[in-house]
Every structure is written in C-alpha cells, then in structure tokens.
Amino acid sequence: MRFRKSKPKDDVDVDMTPMLDVVFIMLIFFIVTTSFVKESGLDVSRPDAATTEKKERGNILVRIAHNDQVWIDRRMVDVRAIRPHIERMHAENPNGSVVIQADPNSSNGLLVRVMDAAKLAGVHNVSLAAQVVQ
C-alpha cells in the first residue's frame, strides 16, 4: 500500500479589505450627512421673553448688533445687501429658516427691514431669537 504524501495546508487568513471598505464608506456617509452649526462670530445679548420655544434648525443666522451692524455668516453686511445674501443662502438650503438675533439696543426699524428682506427673498419661516426667562 502506498501512502500519499499530504500537501501542506495553506494558511487560512481572513481578508480584511471588504470590511475596511465598508467602514470607510460609512465614515464618508456620516461626514457628508452631518449638519454643522454656523455661528456668525458676533456676541449679541438677546432680549428676554416668557413665551419662547426652542428651534432646532435655523440655518440662516442674521445678527443685528447694538450699533445697528448686520452680520450674516460671520461677515458684516450692508443693509442693502441683506436680501441677496439671504436669497443665496436660501437657494443653497431651501428648507432652511431665518433666525434673527437682534440686540435689545438695536433700532426697531432695522429689525423690520431685515424681516422684510427675508420675506422678499422667499423665506417664509422667519424667527426672532430670545433669551428664556425662568
């Protein structure tokens, strides 16, 4: 009787490449779908209000400083250029709303002009930011 020589068995390894591909694809997906909070870079003291509600997604943030300077997206904007800026940002995110943070010492007329510019830009969801009174 003849004995067959057994062939040496190949080492069995688990191929990690498909798993790494899936992990990197998931990482890219989560990075792309994450929404980032945009701050305008200007500290505004908001007025107090008893009837406030928390707004989760205010994508277009407009701040009015105490000296009537208007800031959108960390840049000071001329009053005549508010509407084009809001139109451009609203075109980038049509579901976004406008949140206006007006300093209590800013002029009331400027606040009305900013609200009108937002409405004329096609944004129908305009909110005013206020401090919660407890």
Foldseek 3Di string as FASTA:
>chain_A
DDDDDDDDDDDDDDDCVVVVVVVVVVVVVVVVPDDDDQDQPDDAAFAEDADDDDDDFAPWEWEQHLVRFITTRNDTDDLVCLLVVLLVSCVVPVPHAYEYGYHPNHDPVSVVSNVVSNVVSPHPHYYYDHDHDD
